Amino acid sequence: MKTLENPYKSPEKHFTVTENDINAKNELHLNILYHEMENFVSKIISDNFYFAYPIPRLYKLQLLKNAFLNDQLLLKSKITKFSDSELQLLISVINHHPKEGDLICNAISPYINSI
C-alpha cells in the first residue's frame, strides 16, 4: 500500500524585536507584529499555493502575552482547512527563547479562491 506524501512543509520565520519595534514600555508594537504576520502569510500563499488574490487577512487574532526588546519570536503556520476553493492557515507566534517557549499570539488566515 502506498501512502501519499504531503509536499507542503510548514514554514517558519524568525523575528527579533529591536529598538525600532518597541514602545516606551519596551513592548513590541502590535502593528509591527501584525505586519510581520501578514507578510509571513502572504509569502506562504505565493510560494506554495495558487489563489487569485492572496491578500493577507488575519481573523480571530488573540494576543496572549507581550513581546519585549530582544525577544526572539518564531512565526509558525499550520493548515487547518484545505480544498480546491478554500485554504485556512493557523498562524502562531512563539517566544523562541530557550526558557520561554510561550505562545505570544495566534490568528486564522482564510483564503477563498475566486477562480
PDB file of N, CA and C in Angstrom:
ATOM      1  N   MET A   1       0.836  -1.171   0.000  1.00  0.00           N
ATOM      2  CA  MET A   1       0.000   0.000   0.000  1.00  0.00           C
ATOM      3  C   MET A   1       0.888   1.243   0.000  1.00  0.00           C
ATOM      4  N   LYS A   2       0.582   2.169  -0.878  1.00  0.00           N
ATOM      5  CA  LYS A   2       1.333   3.418  -0.951  1.00  0.00           C
ATOM      6  C   LYS A   2       0.645   4.481  -0.114  1.00  0.00           C
ATOM      7  N   THR A   3       1.446   5.299   0.514  1.00  0.00           N
ATOM      8  CA  THR A   3       0.889   6.447   1.232  1.00  0.00           C
ATOM      9  C   THR A   3       1.259   7.704   0.460  1.00  0.00           C
ATOM     10  N   LEU A   4       0.372   8.646   0.470  1.00  0.00           N
ATOM     11  CA  LEU A   4       0.624   9.900  -0.216  1.00  0.00           C
ATOM     12  C   LEU A   4       1.437  10.812   0.685  1.00  0.00           C
ATOM     13  N   GLU A   5       2.430  11.442   0.086  1.00  0.00           N
ATOM     14  CA  GLU A   5       3.237  12.391   0.842  1.00  0.00           C
ATOM     15  C   GLU A   5       2.719  13.794   0.610  1.00  0.00           C
ATOM     16  N   ASN A   6       2.730  14.566   1.654  1.00  0.00           N
ATOM     17  CA  ASN A   6       2.321  15.955   1.558  1.00  0.00           C
ATOM     18  C   ASN A   6       3.560  16.786   1.223  1.00  0.00           C
ATOM     19  N   PRO A   7       3.605  17.432   0.037  1.00  0.00           N
ATOM     20  CA  PRO A   7       4.793  18.206  -0.340  1.00  0.00           C
ATOM     21  C   PRO A   7       4.904  19.535   0.412  1.00  0.00           C
ATOM     22  N   TYR A   8       3.847  19.939   1.084  1.00  0.00           N
ATOM     23  CA  TYR A   8       3.848  21.207   1.801  1.00  0.00           C
ATOM     24  C   TYR A   8       4.583  21.039   3.126  1.00  0.00           C
ATOM     25  N   LYS A   9       5.575  21.875   3.330  1.00  0.00           N
ATOM     26  CA  LYS A   9       6.298  21.873   4.600  1.00  0.00           C
ATOM     27  C   LYS A   9       5.902  23.145   5.336  1.00  0.00           C
ATOM     28  N   SER A  10       5.484  23.000   6.571  1.00  0.00           N
ATOM     29  CA  SER A  10       5.065  24.165   7.351  1.00  0.00           C
ATOM     30  C   SER A  10       6.247  25.110   7.534  1.00  0.00           C
ATOM     31  N   PRO A  11       6.174  26.271   6.925  1.00  0.00           N
ATOM     32  CA  PRO A  11       7.291  27.207   7.042  1.00  0.00           C
ATOM     33  C   PRO A  11       7.331  27.879   8.413  1.00  0.00           C
ATOM     34  N   GLU A  12       8.502  28.373   8.724  1.00  0.00           N
ATOM     35  CA  GLU A  12       8.714  29.115   9.962  1.00  0.00           C
ATOM     36  C   GLU A  12       9.506  30.364   9.627  1.00  0.00           C
ATOM     37  N   LYS A  13       9.365  31.380  10.462  1.00  0.00           N
ATOM     38  CA  LYS A  13      10.117  32.611  10.278  1.00  0.00           C
ATOM     39  C   LYS A  13      10.555  33.112  11.645  1.00  0.00           C
ATOM     40  N   HIS A  14      11.805  33.495  11.742  1.00  0.00           N
ATOM     41  CA  HIS A  14      12.332  34.053  12.982  1.00  0.00           C
ATOM     42  C   HIS A  14      12.283  35.576  12.897  1.00  0.00           C
ATOM     43  N   PHE A  15      11.983  36.193  14.014  1.00  0.00           N
ATOM     44  CA  PHE A  15      11.857  37.644  14.088  1.00  0.00           C
ATOM     45  C   PHE A  15      12.397  38.092  15.439  1.00  0.00           C
ATOM     46  N   THR A  16      13.344  39.025  15.422  1.00  0.00           N
ATOM     47  CA  THR A  16      13.912  39.559  16.652  1.00  0.00           C
ATOM     48  C   THR A  16      13.360  40.956  16.894  1.00  0.00           C
ATOM     49  N   VAL A  17      12.891  41.198  18.092  1.00  0.00           N
ATOM     50  CA  VAL A  17      12.345  42.507  18.463  1.00  0.00           C
ATOM     51  C   VAL A  17      13.512  43.467  18.696  1.00  0.00           C
ATOM     52  N   THR A  18      13.539  44.552  17.931  1.00  0.00           N
ATOM     53  CA  THR A  18      14.620  45.536  18.028  1.00  0.00           C
ATOM     54  C   THR A  18      14.097  46.833  18.648  1.00  0.00           C
ATOM     55  N   GLU A  19      15.004  47.777  18.847  1.00  0.00           N
ATOM     56  CA  GLU A  19      14.627  49.067  19.438  1.00  0.00           C
ATOM     57  C   GLU A  19      13.624  49.827  18.575  1.00  0.00           C
ATOM     58  N   ASN A  20      13.674  49.635  17.268  1.00  0.00           N
ATOM     59  CA  ASN A  20      12.733  50.312  16.366  1.00  0.00           C
ATOM     60  C   ASN A  20      11.322  49.728  16.460  1.00  0.00           C
ATOM     61  N   ASP A  21      11.169  48.561  17.084  1.00  0.00           N
ATOM     62  CA  ASP A  21       9.897  47.849  17.125  1.00  0.00           C
ATOM     63  C   ASP A  21       9.140  48.015  18.438  1.00  0.00           C
ATOM     64  N   ILE A  22       9.686  48.757  19.386  1.00  0.00           N
ATOM     65  CA  ILE A  22       9.098  48.794  20.722  1.00  0.00           C
ATOM     66  C   ILE A  22       8.545  50.172  21.081  1.00  0.00           C
ATOM     67  N   ASN A  23       7.704  50.183  22.113  1.00  0.00           N
ATOM     68  CA  ASN A  23       7.163  51.434  22.638  1.00  0.00           C
ATOM     69  C   ASN A  23       7.959  51.849  23.885  1.00  0.00           C
ATOM     70  N   ALA A  24       7.471  52.827  24.625  1.00  0.00           N
ATOM     71  CA  ALA A  24       8.180  53.346  25.801  1.00  0.00           C
ATOM     72  C   ALA A  24       8.301  52.310  26.921  1.00  0.00           C
ATOM     73  N   LYS A  25       7.452  51.297  26.921  1.00  0.00           N
ATOM     74  CA  LYS A  25       7.499  50.239  27.942  1.00  0.00           C
ATOM     75  C   LYS A  25       8.333  49.030  27.494  1.00  0.00           C
ATOM     76  N   ASN A  26       9.063  49.189  26.396  1.00  0.00           N
ATOM     77  CA  ASN A  26       9.874  48.119  25.787  1.00  0.00           C
ATOM     78  C   ASN A  26       9.031  46.956  25.274  1.00  0.00           C
ATOM     79  N   GLU A  27       7.754  47.183  24.985  1.00  0.00           N
ATOM     80  CA  GLU A  27       6.871  46.167  24.438  1.00  0.00           C
ATOM     81  C   GLU A  27       6.796  46.319  22.917  1.00  0.00           C
ATOM     82  N   LEU A  28       6.685  45.208  22.244  1.00  0.00           N
ATOM     83  CA  LEU A  28       6.557  45.207  20.793  1.00  0.00           C
ATOM     84  C   LEU A  28       5.264  45.908  20.382  1.00  0.00           C
ATOM     85  N   HIS A  29       5.369  46.845  19.401  1.00  0.00           N
ATOM     86  CA  HIS A  29       4.183  47.497  18.841  1.00  0.00           C
ATOM     87  C   HIS A  29       3.318  46.438  18.159  1.00  0.00           C
ATOM     88  N   LEU A  30       2.031  46.460  18.423  1.00  0.00           N
ATOM     89  CA  LEU A  30       1.135  45.457  17.847  1.00  0.00           C
ATOM     90  C   LEU A  30       1.041  45.565  16.335  1.00  0.00           C
ATOM     91  N   ASN A  31       1.123  46.785  15.803  1.00  0.00           N
ATOM     92  CA  ASN A  31       1.037  46.928  14.348  1.00  0.00           C
ATOM     93  C   ASN A  31       2.240  46.286  13.651  1.00  0.00           C
ATOM     94  N   ILE A  32       3.387  46.282  14.296  1.00  0.00           N
ATOM     95  CA  ILE A  32       4.573  45.634  13.713  1.00  0.00           C
ATOM     96  C   ILE A  32       4.411  44.118  13.736  1.00  0.00           C
ATOM     97  N   LEU A  33       3.899  43.597  14.833  1.00  0.00           N
ATOM     98  CA  LEU A  33       3.640  42.155  14.912  1.00  0.00           C
ATOM     99  C   LEU A  33       2.620  41.740  13.864  1.00  0.00           C
ATOM    100  N   TYR A  34       1.554  42.503  13.732  1.00  0.00           N
ATOM    101  CA  TYR A  34       0.517  42.207  12.745  1.00  0.00           C
ATOM    102  C   TYR A  34       1.099  42.238  11.329  1.00  0.00           C
ATOM    103  N   HIS A  35       1.904  43.246  11.040  1.00  0.00           N
ATOM    104  CA  HIS A  35       2.530  43.371   9.717  1.00  0.00           C
ATOM    105  C   HIS A  35       3.455  42.176   9.433  1.00  0.00           C
ATOM    106  N   GLU A  36       4.225  41.752  10.413  1.00  0.00           N
ATOM    107  CA  GLU A  36       5.100  40.579  10.248  1.00  0.00           C
ATOM    108  C   GLU A  36       4.275  39.325   9.956  1.00  0.00           C
ATOM    109  N   MET A  37       3.163  39.176  10.649  1.00  0.00           N
ATOM    110  CA  MET A  37       2.293  38.021  10.425  1.00  0.00           C
ATOM    111  C   MET A  37       1.663  38.060   9.033  1.00  0.00           C
ATOM    112  N   GLU A  38       1.216  39.235   8.597  1.00  0.00           N
ATOM    113  CA  GLU A  38       0.640  39.378   7.254  1.00  0.00           C
ATOM    114  C   GLU A  38       1.659  39.023   6.173  1.00  0.00           C
ATOM    115  N   ASN A  39       2.871  39.541   6.306  1.00  0.00           N
ATOM    116  CA  ASN A  39       3.921  39.238   5.324  1.00  0.00           C
ATOM    117  C   ASN A  39       4.253  37.755   5.301  1.00  0.00           C
ATOM    118  N   PHE A  40       4.279  37.138   6.461  1.00  0.00           N
ATOM    119  CA  PHE A  40       4.551  35.710   6.573  1.00  0.00           C
ATOM    120  C   PHE A  40       3.487  34.896   5.831  1.00  0.00           C
ATOM    121  N   VAL A  41       2.216  35.228   6.052  1.00  0.00           N
ATOM    122  CA  VAL A  41       1.116  34.530   5.389  1.00  0.00           C
ATOM    123  C   VAL A  41       1.166  34.759   3.877  1.00  0.00           C
ATOM    124  N   SER A  42       1.404  35.977   3.469  1.00  0.00           N
ATOM    125  CA  SER A  42       1.469  36.298   2.044  1.00  0.00           C
ATOM    126  C   SER A  42       2.561  35.494   1.338  1.00  0.00           C
ATOM    127  N   LYS A  43       3.710  35.367   1.974  1.00  0.00           N
ATOM    128  CA  LYS A  43       4.818  34.596   1.394  1.00  0.00           C
ATOM    129  C   LYS A  43       4.455  33.113   1.291  1.00  0.00           C
ATOM    130  N   ILE A  44       3.812  32.581   2.300  1.00  0.00           N
ATOM    131  CA  ILE A  44       3.388  31.170   2.260  1.00  0.00           C
ATOM    132  C   ILE A  44       2.456  30.936   1.082  1.00  0.00           C
ATOM    133  N   ILE A  45       1.465  31.800   0.934  1.00  0.00           N
ATOM    134  CA  ILE A  45       0.477  31.639  -0.133  1.00  0.00           C
ATOM    135  C   ILE A  45       1.127  31.757  -1.504  1.00  0.00           C
ATOM    136  N   SER A  46       1.952  32.774  -1.697  1.00  0.00           N
ATOM    137  CA  SER A  46       2.555  32.983  -3.016  1.00  0.00           C
ATOM    138  C   SER A  46       3.561  31.890  -3.373  1.00  0.00           C
ATOM    139  N   ASP A  47       4.238  31.301  -2.396  1.00  0.00           N
ATOM    140  CA  ASP A  47       5.235  30.267  -2.671  1.00  0.00           C
ATOM    141  C   ASP A  47       4.653  28.868  -2.835  1.00  0.00           C
ATOM    142  N   ASN A  48       3.510  28.582  -2.207  1.00  0.00           N
ATOM    143  CA  ASN A  48       3.030  27.210  -2.151  1.00  0.00           C
ATOM    144  C   ASN A  48       1.672  26.952  -2.797  1.00  0.00           C
ATOM    145  N   PHE A  49       0.869  27.981  -2.959  1.00  0.00           N
ATOM    146  CA  PHE A  49      -0.498  27.779  -3.435  1.00  0.00           C
ATOM    147  C   PHE A  49      -0.830  28.819  -4.487  1.00  0.00           C
ATOM    148  N   TYR A  50      -1.805  28.497  -5.324  1.00  0.00           N
ATOM    149  CA  TYR A  50      -2.265  29.486  -6.275  1.00  0.00           C
ATOM    150  C   TYR A  50      -3.678  29.915  -5.906  1.00  0.00           C
ATOM    151  N   PHE A  51      -3.793  31.126  -5.445  1.00  0.00           N
ATOM    152  CA  PHE A  51      -5.087  31.736  -5.202  1.00  0.00           C
ATOM    153  C   PHE A  51      -5.079  33.063  -5.942  1.00  0.00           C
ATOM    154  N   ALA A  52      -6.211  33.424  -6.507  1.00  0.00           N
ATOM    155  CA  ALA A  52      -6.291  34.572  -7.404  1.00  0.00           C
ATOM    156  C   ALA A  52      -5.817  35.872  -6.766  1.00  0.00           C
ATOM    157  N   TYR A  53      -6.238  36.174  -5.575  1.00  0.00           N
ATOM    158  CA  TYR A  53      -5.868  37.425  -4.918  1.00  0.00           C
ATOM    159  C   TYR A  53      -5.406  37.149  -3.487  1.00  0.00           C
ATOM    160  N   PRO A  54      -4.162  36.742  -3.328  1.00  0.00           N
ATOM    161  CA  PRO A  54      -3.688  36.393  -1.981  1.00  0.00           C
ATOM    162  C   PRO A  54      -3.396  37.624  -1.122  1.00  0.00           C
ATOM    163  N   ILE A  55      -4.451  38.324  -0.733  1.00  0.00           N
ATOM    164  CA  ILE A  55      -4.297  39.477   0.153  1.00  0.00           C
ATOM    165  C   ILE A  55      -4.371  38.955   1.584  1.00  0.00           C
ATOM    166  N   PRO A  56      -3.329  39.165   2.361  1.00  0.00           N
ATOM    167  CA  PRO A  56      -3.352  38.621   3.717  1.00  0.00           C
ATOM    168  C   PRO A  56      -4.401  39.297   4.586  1.00  0.00           C
ATOM    169  N   ARG A  57      -5.179  38.465   5.243  1.00  0.00           N
ATOM    170  CA  ARG A  57      -6.175  38.931   6.206  1.00  0.00           C
ATOM    171  C   ARG A  57      -6.106  37.999   7.398  1.00  0.00           C
ATOM    172  N   LEU A  58      -6.018  38.571   8.566  1.00  0.00           N
ATOM    173  CA  LEU A  58      -5.946  37.776   9.781  1.00  0.00           C
ATOM    174  C   LEU A  58      -7.237  37.964  10.571  1.00  0.00           C
ATOM    175  N   TYR A  59      -7.833  36.854  10.979  1.00  0.00           N
ATOM    176  CA  TYR A  59      -9.056  36.883  11.766  1.00  0.00           C
ATOM    177  C   TYR A  59      -8.811  36.176  13.084  1.00  0.00           C
ATOM    178  N   LYS A  60      -9.640  36.463  14.019  1.00  0.00           N
ATOM    179  CA  LYS A  60      -9.570  35.837  15.339  1.00  0.00           C
ATOM    180  C   LYS A  60      -8.178  35.972  15.944  1.00  0.00           C
ATOM    181  N   LEU A  61      -7.628  37.162  15.832  1.00  0.00           N
ATOM    182  CA  LEU A  61      -6.310  37.449  16.390  1.00  0.00           C
ATOM    183  C   LEU A  61      -6.417  37.463  17.907  1.00  0.00           C
ATOM    184  N   GLN A  62      -5.615  36.634  18.558  1.00  0.00           N
ATOM    185  CA  GLN A  62      -5.608  36.556  20.011  1.00  0.00           C
ATOM    186  C   GLN A  62      -4.220  36.913  20.516  1.00  0.00           C
ATOM    187  N   LEU A  63      -4.111  38.031  21.189  1.00  0.00           N
ATOM    188  CA  LEU A  63      -2.850  38.425  21.803  1.00  0.00           C
ATOM    189  C   LEU A  63      -2.856  37.891  23.226  1.00  0.00           C
ATOM    190  N   LEU A  64      -1.944  36.995  23.530  1.00  0.00           N
ATOM    191  CA  LEU A  64      -1.919  36.343  24.834  1.00  0.00           C
ATOM    192  C   LEU A  64      -0.872  36.930  25.779  1.00  0.00           C
ATOM    193  N   LYS A  65       0.247  37.384  25.210  1.00  0.00           N
ATOM    194  CA  LYS A  65       1.326  37.964  26.003  1.00  0.00           C
ATOM    195  C   LYS A  65       2.017  39.041  25.185  1.00  0.00           C
ATOM    196  N   ASN A  66       2.745  39.896  25.852  1.00  0.00           N
ATOM    197  CA  ASN A  66       3.538  40.898  25.162  1.00  0.00           C
ATOM    198  C   ASN A  66       4.914  40.334  24.845  1.00  0.00           C
ATOM    199  N   ALA A  67       5.488  40.838  23.769  1.00  0.00           N
ATOM    200  CA  ALA A  67       6.884  40.548  23.444  1.00  0.00           C
ATOM    201  C   ALA A  67       7.688  41.798  23.766  1.00  0.00           C
ATOM    202  N   PHE A  68       8.928  41.609  24.148  1.00  0.00           N
ATOM    203  CA  PHE A  68       9.758  42.720  24.603  1.00  0.00           C
ATOM    204  C   PHE A  68      11.046  42.812  23.796  1.00  0.00           C
ATOM    205  N   LEU A  69      11.793  43.870  24.037  1.00  0.00           N
ATOM    206  CA  LEU A  69      13.054  44.121  23.351  1.00  0.00           C
ATOM    207  C   LEU A  69      13.956  42.892  23.424  1.00  0.00           C
ATOM    208  N   ASN A  70      14.547  42.540  22.296  1.00  0.00           N
ATOM    209  CA  ASN A  70      15.477  41.419  22.119  1.00  0.00           C
ATOM    210  C   ASN A  70      14.840  40.041  22.212  1.00  0.00           C
ATOM    211  N   ASP A  71      13.518  39.955  22.312  1.00  0.00           N
ATOM    212  CA  ASP A  71      12.863  38.643  22.267  1.00  0.00           C
ATOM    213  C   ASP A  71      13.044  38.046  20.877  1.00  0.00           C
ATOM    214  N   GLN A  72      13.269  36.752  20.849  1.00  0.00           N
ATOM    215  CA  GLN A  72      13.373  36.002  19.599  1.00  0.00           C
ATOM    216  C   GLN A  72      12.012  35.349  19.361  1.00  0.00           C
ATOM    217  N   LEU A  73      11.294  35.817  18.352  1.00  0.00           N
ATOM    218  CA  LEU A  73       9.969  35.282  18.067  1.00  0.00           C
ATOM    219  C   LEU A  73      10.029  34.325  16.889  1.00  0.00           C
ATOM    220  N   LEU A  74       9.212  33.296  16.961  1.00  0.00           N
ATOM    221  CA  LEU A  74       9.121  32.303  15.906  1.00  0.00           C
ATOM    222  C   LEU A  74       7.694  32.293  15.389  1.00  0.00           C
ATOM    223  N   LEU A  75       7.519  32.567  14.094  1.00  0.00           N
ATOM    224  CA  LEU A  75       6.212  32.520  13.457  1.00  0.00           C
ATOM    225  C   LEU A  75       6.073  31.165  12.784  1.00  0.00           C
ATOM    226  N   LYS A  76       4.973  30.476  13.062  1.00  0.00           N
ATOM    227  CA  LYS A  76       4.727  29.142  12.504  1.00  0.00           C
ATOM    228  C   LYS A  76       3.344  29.114  11.868  1.00  0.00           C
ATOM    229  N   SER A  77       3.173  28.220  10.906  1.00  0.00           N
ATOM    230  CA  SER A  77       1.867  28.078  10.261  1.00  0.00           C
ATOM    231  C   SER A  77       1.441  26.623  10.263  1.00  0.00           C
ATOM    232  N   LYS A  78       0.134  26.442  10.207  1.00  0.00           N
ATOM    233  CA  LYS A  78      -0.436  25.096  10.142  1.00  0.00           C
ATOM    234  C   LYS A  78      -1.704  25.180   9.310  1.00  0.00           C
ATOM    235  N   ILE A  79      -1.869  24.277   8.356  1.00  0.00           N
ATOM    236  CA  ILE A  79      -3.083  24.243   7.545  1.00  0.00           C
ATOM    237  C   ILE A  79      -4.197  23.635   8.393  1.00  0.00           C
ATOM    238  N   THR A  80      -5.296  24.358   8.525  1.00  0.00           N
ATOM    239  CA  THR A  80      -6.441  23.831   9.267  1.00  0.00           C
ATOM    240  C   THR A  80      -7.585  23.427   8.341  1.00  0.00           C
ATOM    241  N   LYS A  81      -7.586  23.970   7.122  1.00  0.00           N
ATOM    242  CA  LYS A  81      -8.620  23.621   6.149  1.00  0.00           C
ATOM    243  C   LYS A  81      -8.054  23.832   4.757  1.00  0.00           C
ATOM    244  N   PHE A  82      -8.256  22.843   3.856  1.00  0.00           N
ATOM    245  CA  PHE A  82      -7.739  22.966   2.502  1.00  0.00           C
ATOM    246  C   PHE A  82      -8.656  22.234   1.537  1.00  0.00           C
ATOM    247  N   SER A  83      -9.039  22.924   0.470  1.00  0.00           N
ATOM    248  CA  SER A  83      -9.813  22.326  -0.610  1.00  0.00           C
ATOM    249  C   SER A  83      -9.475  23.072  -1.894  1.00  0.00           C
ATOM    250  N   ASP A  84     -10.154  22.730  -2.983  1.00  0.00           N
ATOM    251  CA  ASP A  84      -9.915  23.432  -4.251  1.00  0.00           C
ATOM    252  C   ASP A  84     -10.297  24.898  -4.183  1.00  0.00           C
ATOM    253  N   SER A  85     -11.192  25.220  -3.298  1.00  0.00           N
ATOM    254  CA  SER A  85     -11.688  26.598  -3.258  1.00  0.00           C
ATOM    255  C   SER A  85     -11.349  27.352  -1.980  1.00  0.00           C
ATOM    256  N   GLU A  86     -10.759  26.686  -0.995  1.00  0.00           N
ATOM    257  CA  GLU A  86     -10.515  27.369   0.274  1.00  0.00           C
ATOM    258  C   GLU A  86      -9.249  26.857   0.962  1.00  0.00           C
ATOM    259  N   LEU A  87      -8.568  27.770   1.588  1.00  0.00           N
ATOM    260  CA  LEU A  87      -7.390  27.463   2.382  1.00  0.00           C
ATOM    261  C   LEU A  87      -7.498  28.253   3.673  1.00  0.00           C
ATOM    262  N   GLN A  88      -7.222  27.589   4.788  1.00  0.00           N
ATOM    263  CA  GLN A  88      -7.241  28.280   6.070  1.00  0.00           C
ATOM    264  C   GLN A  88      -5.976  27.899   6.834  1.00  0.00           C
ATOM    265  N   LEU A  89      -5.236  28.930   7.249  1.00  0.00           N
ATOM    266  CA  LEU A  89      -3.994  28.723   7.989  1.00  0.00           C
ATOM    267  C   LEU A  89      -4.152  29.221   9.418  1.00  0.00           C
ATOM    268  N   LEU A  90      -3.546  28.515  10.344  1.00  0.00           N
ATOM    269  CA  LEU A  90      -3.433  28.981  11.715  1.00  0.00           C
ATOM    270  C   LEU A  90      -2.004  29.488  11.875  1.00  0.00           C
ATOM    271  N   ILE A  91      -1.860  30.744  12.250  1.00  0.00           N
ATOM    272  CA  ILE A  91      -0.544  31.359  12.424  1.00  0.00           C
ATOM    273  C   ILE A  91      -0.304  31.532  13.914  1.00  0.00           C
ATOM    274  N   SER A  92       0.835  31.041  14.388  1.00  0.00           N
ATOM    275  CA  SER A  92       1.197  31.153  15.801  1.00  0.00           C
ATOM    276  C   SER A  92       2.512  31.903  15.927  1.00  0.00           C
ATOM    277  N   VAL A  93       2.603  32.728  16.948  1.00  0.00           N
ATOM    278  CA  VAL A  93       3.836  33.444  17.254  1.00  0.00           C
ATOM    279  C   VAL A  93       4.280  32.980  18.639  1.00  0.00           C
ATOM    280  N   ILE A  94       5.491  32.453  18.697  1.00  0.00           N
ATOM    281  CA  ILE A  94       6.017  31.866  19.927  1.00  0.00           C
ATOM    282  C   ILE A  94       7.293  32.581  20.314  1.00  0.00           C
ATOM    283  N   ASN A  95       7.467  32.842  21.603  1.00  0.00           N
ATOM    284  CA  ASN A  95       8.727  33.380  22.100  1.00  0.00           C
ATOM    285  C   ASN A  95       9.728  32.230  22.045  1.00  0.00           C
ATOM    286  N   HIS A  96      10.723  32.374  21.189  1.00  0.00           N
ATOM    287  CA  HIS A  96      11.650  31.278  20.894  1.00  0.00           C
ATOM    288  C   HIS A  96      12.820  31.201  21.877  1.00  0.00           C
ATOM    289  N   HIS A  97      12.800  32.025  22.892  1.00  0.00           N
ATOM    290  CA  HIS A  97      13.853  31.975  23.900  1.00  0.00           C
ATOM    291  C   HIS A  97      13.823  30.583  24.532  1.00  0.00           C
ATOM    292  N   PRO A  98      15.000  29.957  24.724  1.00  0.00           N
ATOM    293  CA  PRO A  98      15.021  28.578  25.234  1.00  0.00           C
ATOM    294  C   PRO A  98      14.235  28.350  26.526  1.00  0.00           C
ATOM    295  N   LYS A  99      14.195  29.331  27.414  1.00  0.00           N
ATOM    296  CA  LYS A  99      13.475  29.149  28.677  1.00  0.00           C
ATOM    297  C   LYS A  99      11.987  29.448  28.538  1.00  0.00           C
ATOM    298  N   GLU A 100      11.623  30.224  27.544  1.00  0.00           N
ATOM    299  CA  GLU A 100      10.249  30.702  27.433  1.00  0.00           C
ATOM    300  C   GLU A 100       9.349  29.700  26.708  1.00  0.00           C
ATOM    301  N   GLY A 101       9.404  29.715  25.372  1.00  0.00           N
ATOM    302  CA  GLY A 101       8.523  28.860  24.583  1.00  0.00           C
ATOM    303  C   GLY A 101       7.054  29.237  24.721  1.00  0.00           C
ATOM    304  N   ASP A 102       6.779  30.448  25.165  1.00  0.00           N
ATOM    305  CA  ASP A 102       5.408  30.892  25.387  1.00  0.00           C
ATOM    306  C   ASP A 102       4.754  31.346  24.092  1.00  0.00           C
ATOM    307  N   LEU A 103       3.490  31.017  23.961  1.00  0.00           N
ATOM    308  CA  LEU A 103       2.703  31.484  22.828  1.00  0.00           C
ATOM    309  C   LEU A 103       2.388  32.960  23.046  1.00  0.00           C
ATOM    310  N   ILE A 104       2.812  33.800  22.103  1.00  0.00           N
ATOM    311  CA  ILE A 104       2.572  35.238  22.179  1.00  0.00           C
ATOM    312  C   ILE A 104       1.185  35.558  21.624  1.00  0.00           C
ATOM    313  N   CYS A 105       0.887  35.062  20.424  1.00  0.00           N
ATOM    314  CA  CYS A 105      -0.431  35.281  19.837  1.00  0.00           C
ATOM    315  C   CYS A 105      -0.671  34.273  18.728  1.00  0.00           C
ATOM    316  N   ASN A 106      -1.921  34.185  18.278  1.00  0.00           N
ATOM    317  CA  ASN A 106      -2.256  33.360  17.127  1.00  0.00           C
ATOM    318  C   ASN A 106      -3.396  34.020  16.363  1.00  0.00           C
ATOM    319  N   ALA A 107      -3.572  33.586  15.120  1.00  0.00           N
ATOM    320  CA  ALA A 107      -4.618  34.135  14.261  1.00  0.00           C
ATOM    321  C   ALA A 107      -4.942  33.123  13.180  1.00  0.00           C
ATOM    322  N   ILE A 108      -6.100  33.281  12.561  1.00  0.00           N
ATOM    323  CA  ILE A 108      -6.509  32.444  11.443  1.00  0.00           C
ATOM    324  C   ILE A 108      -6.514  33.306  10.196  1.00  0.00           C
ATOM    325  N   SER A 109      -6.007  32.739   9.109  1.00  0.00           N
ATOM    326  CA  SER A 109      -5.970  33.454   7.847  1.00  0.00           C
ATOM    327  C   SER A 109      -6.686  32.630   6.775  1.00  0.00           C
ATOM    328  N   PRO A 110      -7.927  32.978   6.442  1.00  0.00           N
ATOM    329  CA  PRO A 110      -8.646  32.240   5.400  1.00  0.00           C
ATOM    330  C   PRO A 110      -8.453  32.847   4.015  1.00  0.00           C
ATOM    331  N   TYR A 111      -8.407  32.002   3.007  1.00  0.00           N
ATOM    332  CA  TYR A 111      -8.362  32.428   1.605  1.00  0.00           C
ATOM    333  C   TYR A 111      -9.407  31.648   0.837  1.00  0.00           C
ATOM    334  N   ILE A 112     -10.123  32.344  -0.009  1.00  0.00           N
ATOM    335  CA  ILE A 112     -11.096  31.696  -0.869  1.00  0.00           C
ATOM    336  C   ILE A 112     -10.688  31.956  -2.305  1.00  0.00           C
ATOM    337  N   ASN A 113     -10.554  30.891  -3.070  1.00  0.00           N
ATOM    338  CA  ASN A 113     -10.138  31.003  -4.452  1.00  0.00           C
ATOM    339  C   ASN A 113     -11.293  31.553  -5.269  1.00  0.00           C
ATOM    340  N   SER A 114     -11.068  32.652  -5.943  1.00  0.00           N
ATOM    341  CA  SER A 114     -12.148  33.295  -6.710  1.00  0.00           C
ATOM    342  C   SER A 114     -12.166  32.876  -8.177  1.00  0.00           C
ATOM    343  N   ILE A 115     -11.356  31.909  -8.533  1.00  0.00           N
ATOM    344  CA  ILE A 115     -11.360  31.453  -9.940  1.00  0.00           C
ATOM    345  C   ILE A 115     -12.392  30.366 -10.138  1.00  0.00           C
TER     346      ILE A 115
END
